[in-house]
Amino acid sequence: MDWLAGSRQHVLELIATRVGVLGALYVLGFEKGVMDAYIIVVGFQAVFNHANVHLPWGPLRYLIVTPDFHHWHHASDDIAIDKNYAAHFSFLDHLFGTAIKGQAGFPEKYGVQGDYMPDGFTRQLMFPFRSRK
């Protein structure tokens, strides 16, 4: 896990999310400056939340996603499975019961459970579209 993890996305996910969000902002009439600010804030947050940085957040950690919160989303520890989904606002995970409670620091293990990801760039791009048997 490192600060570049937020940049590792499937090309179709990247296109869909950028077009969906920026397209909606454009259709709703937001100025270019607002869209530029959004790109900067979200880009910074993606890098920051994947960085290996611990800061004392106090109660703010229950409102926004921090590295200490987000790293658990990528953990393969049993306690972390299907937890900490929020990308920007951690209160959403607390509200819906998907936040990990009482964890301090970073997890010991990262990654998915099992070894099911194929080798090779093309196979990994096609992986989400394969039939499940």
C-alpha atoms as a PDB file:
ATOM      1  CA  MET A   1       0.000   0.000   0.000  1.00  0.00           C
ATOM      2  CA  ASP A   2       1.435   3.341  -0.998  1.00  0.00           C
ATOM      3  CA  TRP A   3       0.397   6.784  -2.186  1.00  0.00           C
ATOM      4  CA  LEU A   4      -0.012   5.568  -5.797  1.00  0.00           C
ATOM      5  CA  ALA A   5      -2.710   3.018  -4.907  1.00  0.00           C
ATOM      6  CA  GLY A   6      -5.435   5.591  -5.600  1.00  0.00           C
ATOM      7  CA  SER A   7      -4.251   5.815  -9.202  1.00  0.00           C
ATOM      8  CA  ARG A   8      -4.632   2.103  -9.915  1.00  0.00           C
ATOM      9  CA  GLN A   9      -8.032   1.794 -11.534  1.00  0.00           C
ATOM     10  CA  HIS A  10      -9.521  -0.080 -14.430  1.00  0.00           C
ATOM     11  CA  VAL A  11      -9.595   2.240 -17.445  1.00  0.00           C
ATOM     12  CA  LEU A  12     -13.384   1.874 -17.785  1.00  0.00           C
ATOM     13  CA  GLU A  13     -13.910   2.718 -14.091  1.00  0.00           C
ATOM     14  CA  LEU A  14     -11.788   5.820 -14.522  1.00  0.00           C
ATOM     15  CA  ILE A  15     -13.737   6.967 -17.580  1.00  0.00           C
ATOM     16  CA  ALA A  16     -17.145   6.198 -16.044  1.00  0.00           C
ATOM     17  CA  THR A  17     -16.478   7.997 -12.765  1.00  0.00           C
ATOM     18  CA  ARG A  18     -14.867  11.047 -14.364  1.00  0.00           C
ATOM     19  CA  VAL A  19     -17.560  11.415 -17.033  1.00  0.00           C
ATOM     20  CA  GLY A  20     -20.321  10.755 -14.495  1.00  0.00           C
ATOM     21  CA  VAL A  21     -19.178  13.284 -11.920  1.00  0.00           C
ATOM     22  CA  LEU A  22     -17.756  15.984 -14.184  1.00  0.00           C
ATOM     23  CA  GLY A  23     -20.606  15.529 -16.660  1.00  0.00           C
ATOM     24  CA  ALA A  24     -23.136  16.026 -13.880  1.00  0.00           C
ATOM     25  CA  LEU A  25     -21.332  19.142 -12.638  1.00  0.00           C
ATOM     26  CA  TYR A  26     -21.285  20.518 -16.191  1.00  0.00           C
ATOM     27  CA  VAL A  27     -24.974  19.766 -16.814  1.00  0.00           C
ATOM     28  CA  LEU A  28     -25.882  21.384 -13.491  1.00  0.00           C
ATOM     29  CA  GLY A  29     -24.116  24.548 -14.656  1.00  0.00           C
ATOM     30  CA  PHE A  30     -21.066  24.638 -12.398  1.00  0.00           C
ATOM     31  CA  GLU A  31     -18.238  26.904 -13.508  1.00  0.00           C
ATOM     32  CA  LYS A  32     -14.958  25.501 -14.816  1.00  0.00           C
ATOM     33  CA  GLY A  33     -13.202  26.700 -11.658  1.00  0.00           C
ATOM     34  CA  VAL A  34     -15.471  24.539  -9.490  1.00  0.00           C
ATOM     35  CA  MET A  35     -14.747  21.491 -11.636  1.00  0.00           C
ATOM     36  CA  ASP A  36     -11.007  22.224 -11.497  1.00  0.00           C
ATOM     37  CA  ALA A  37     -11.202  22.522  -7.688  1.00  0.00           C
ATOM     38  CA  TYR A  38     -13.053  19.204  -7.516  1.00  0.00           C
ATOM     39  CA  ILE A  39     -10.331  17.490  -9.564  1.00  0.00           C
ATOM     40  CA  ILE A  40      -7.594  18.930  -7.327  1.00  0.00           C
ATOM     41  CA  VAL A  41      -9.335  18.028  -4.042  1.00  0.00           C
ATOM     42  CA  VAL A  42     -10.240  14.493  -5.137  1.00  0.00           C
ATOM     43  CA  GLY A  43      -6.766  13.939  -6.592  1.00  0.00           C
ATOM     44  CA  PHE A  44      -5.119  15.098  -3.372  1.00  0.00           C
ATOM     45  CA  GLN A  45      -7.451  12.980  -1.260  1.00  0.00           C
ATOM     46  CA  ALA A  46      -6.737   9.858  -3.344  1.00  0.00           C
ATOM     47  CA  VAL A  47      -2.990  10.295  -2.889  1.00  0.00           C
ATOM     48  CA  PHE A  48      -3.204  11.315   0.777  1.00  0.00           C
ATOM     49  CA  ASN A  49      -5.557   8.530   1.905  1.00  0.00           C
ATOM     50  CA  HIS A  50      -3.288   5.886   0.408  1.00  0.00           C
ATOM     51  CA  ALA A  51      -0.110   7.386   1.881  1.00  0.00           C
ATOM     52  CA  ASN A  52       1.545   5.872   4.931  1.00  0.00           C
ATOM     53  CA  VAL A  53       0.812   8.876   7.147  1.00  0.00           C
ATOM     54  CA  HIS A  54      -0.546   8.941  10.687  1.00  0.00           C
ATOM     55  CA  LEU A  55      -1.974  12.213  11.982  1.00  0.00           C
ATOM     56  CA  PRO A  56      -4.031  12.962  15.105  1.00  0.00           C
ATOM     57  CA  TRP A  57      -7.472  13.633  13.634  1.00  0.00           C
ATOM     58  CA  GLY A  58      -9.575  13.559  16.806  1.00  0.00           C
ATOM     59  CA  PRO A  59     -13.328  13.617  16.146  1.00  0.00           C
ATOM     60  CA  LEU A  60     -12.756  14.731  12.539  1.00  0.00           C
ATOM     61  CA  ARG A  61     -11.944  11.087  11.715  1.00  0.00           C
ATOM     62  CA  TYR A  62     -15.656  10.302  12.092  1.00  0.00           C
ATOM     63  CA  LEU A  63     -16.495  12.846   9.389  1.00  0.00           C
ATOM     64  CA  ILE A  64     -13.837  12.533   6.663  1.00  0.00           C
ATOM     65  CA  VAL A  65     -11.783   9.622   5.370  1.00  0.00           C
ATOM     66  CA  THR A  66      -8.196   9.598   6.621  1.00  0.00           C
ATOM     67  CA  PRO A  67      -5.276   7.284   5.815  1.00  0.00           C
ATOM     68  CA  ASP A  68      -5.819   5.457   9.125  1.00  0.00           C
ATOM     69  CA  PHE A  69      -9.444   4.804   8.098  1.00  0.00           C
ATOM     70  CA  HIS A  70      -8.922   4.064   4.406  1.00  0.00           C
ATOM     71  CA  HIS A  71      -6.006   1.640   4.710  1.00  0.00           C
ATOM     72  CA  TRP A  72      -8.415  -0.791   6.388  1.00  0.00           C
ATOM     73  CA  HIS A  73     -10.515  -0.811   3.209  1.00  0.00           C
ATOM     74  CA  HIS A  74      -7.567  -2.504   1.470  1.00  0.00           C
ATOM     75  CA  ALA A  75      -6.771  -4.923   4.296  1.00  0.00           C
ATOM     76  CA  SER A  76      -7.161  -8.668   4.021  1.00  0.00           C
ATOM     77  CA  ASP A  77      -7.473  -9.108   7.795  1.00  0.00           C
ATOM     78  CA  ASP A  78     -10.748 -10.899   8.629  1.00  0.00           C
ATOM     79  CA  ILE A  79     -12.044  -7.902  10.604  1.00  0.00           C
ATOM     80  CA  ALA A  80     -11.691  -5.665   7.533  1.00  0.00           C
ATOM     81  CA  ILE A  81     -13.604  -7.690   4.946  1.00  0.00           C
ATOM     82  CA  ASP A  82     -16.450  -5.609   3.484  1.00  0.00           C
ATOM     83  CA  LYS A  83     -15.642  -2.566   5.652  1.00  0.00           C
ATOM     84  CA  ASN A  84     -14.652   1.092   5.255  1.00  0.00           C
ATOM     85  CA  TYR A  85     -16.064   1.680   1.763  1.00  0.00           C
ATOM     86  CA  ALA A  86     -16.302   5.489   1.917  1.00  0.00           C
ATOM     87  CA  ALA A  87     -13.955   7.420  -0.345  1.00  0.00           C
ATOM     88  CA  HIS A  88     -14.537  10.915   1.064  1.00  0.00           C
ATOM     89  CA  PHE A  89     -16.846  10.941   4.100  1.00  0.00           C
ATOM     90  CA  SER A  90     -16.269   8.300   6.779  1.00  0.00           C
ATOM     91  CA  PHE A  91     -19.544   9.175   8.512  1.00  0.00           C
ATOM     92  CA  LEU A  92     -21.287   7.188   5.762  1.00  0.00           C
ATOM     93  CA  ASP A  93     -19.611   3.960   6.895  1.00  0.00           C
ATOM     94  CA  HIS A  94     -20.407   4.789  10.514  1.00  0.00           C
ATOM     95  CA  LEU A  95     -24.020   5.504   9.558  1.00  0.00           C
ATOM     96  CA  PHE A  96     -24.487   2.255   7.606  1.00  0.00           C
ATOM     97  CA  GLY A  97     -22.529   0.032  10.020  1.00  0.00           C
ATOM     98  CA  THR A  98     -19.682  -0.736   7.635  1.00  0.00           C
ATOM     99  CA  ALA A  99     -16.960   1.090   9.577  1.00  0.00           C
ATOM    100  CA  ILE A 100     -14.369  -0.885  11.488  1.00  0.00           C
ATOM    101  CA  LYS A 101     -14.579   0.042  15.152  1.00  0.00           C
ATOM    102  CA  GLY A 102     -11.587   0.413  17.447  1.00  0.00           C
ATOM    103  CA  GLN A 103      -8.765  -0.287  15.011  1.00  0.00           C
ATOM    104  CA  ALA A 104      -5.605   1.719  15.543  1.00  0.00           C
ATOM    105  CA  GLY A 105      -2.794   2.143  13.047  1.00  0.00           C
ATOM    106  CA  PHE A 106      -2.506   0.307   9.757  1.00  0.00           C
ATOM    107  CA  PRO A 107      -3.446  -3.311   9.050  1.00  0.00           C
ATOM    108  CA  GLU A 108      -0.893  -6.101   8.976  1.00  0.00           C
ATOM    109  CA  LYS A 109      -2.049  -7.632   5.679  1.00  0.00           C
ATOM    110  CA  TYR A 110      -3.246  -5.988   2.462  1.00  0.00           C
ATOM    111  CA  GLY A 111      -4.868  -7.394  -0.639  1.00  0.00           C
ATOM    112  CA  VAL A 112      -7.724  -9.638  -1.624  1.00  0.00           C
ATOM    113  CA  GLN A 113      -8.414 -12.987  -0.045  1.00  0.00           C
ATOM    114  CA  GLY A 114      -7.302 -15.810  -2.279  1.00  0.00           C
ATOM    115  CA  ASP A 115      -5.179 -15.668  -5.391  1.00  0.00           C
ATOM    116  CA  TYR A 116      -7.632 -15.298  -8.221  1.00  0.00           C
ATOM    117  CA  MET A 117      -6.251 -12.348 -10.222  1.00  0.00           C
ATOM    118  CA  PRO A 118      -4.769 -13.509 -13.545  1.00  0.00           C
ATOM    119  CA  ASP A 119      -1.262 -12.608 -14.654  1.00  0.00           C
ATOM    120  CA  GLY A 120      -0.721 -10.127 -17.473  1.00  0.00           C
ATOM    121  CA  PHE A 121      -2.074  -6.683 -18.296  1.00  0.00           C
ATOM    122  CA  THR A 122      -4.645  -7.770 -20.904  1.00  0.00           C
ATOM    123  CA  ARG A 123      -6.005 -10.611 -18.752  1.00  0.00           C
ATOM    124  CA  GLN A 124      -6.392  -8.241 -15.822  1.00  0.00           C
ATOM    125  CA  LEU A 125      -8.264  -5.713 -17.994  1.00  0.00           C
ATOM    126  CA  MET A 126     -10.639  -8.457 -19.131  1.00  0.00           C
ATOM    127  CA  PHE A 127     -11.028 -10.015 -15.664  1.00  0.00           C
ATOM    128  CA  PRO A 128     -14.194  -8.090 -14.622  1.00  0.00           C
ATOM    129  CA  PHE A 129     -15.936  -9.228 -17.810  1.00  0.00           C
ATOM    130  CA  ARG A 130     -15.215 -12.958 -17.667  1.00  0.00           C
ATOM    131  CA  SER A 131     -18.008 -15.402 -16.960  1.00  0.00           C
ATOM    132  CA  ARG A 132     -18.133 -16.810 -13.449  1.00  0.00           C
ATOM    133  CA  LYS A 133     -18.408 -20.594 -13.309  1.00  0.00           C
END
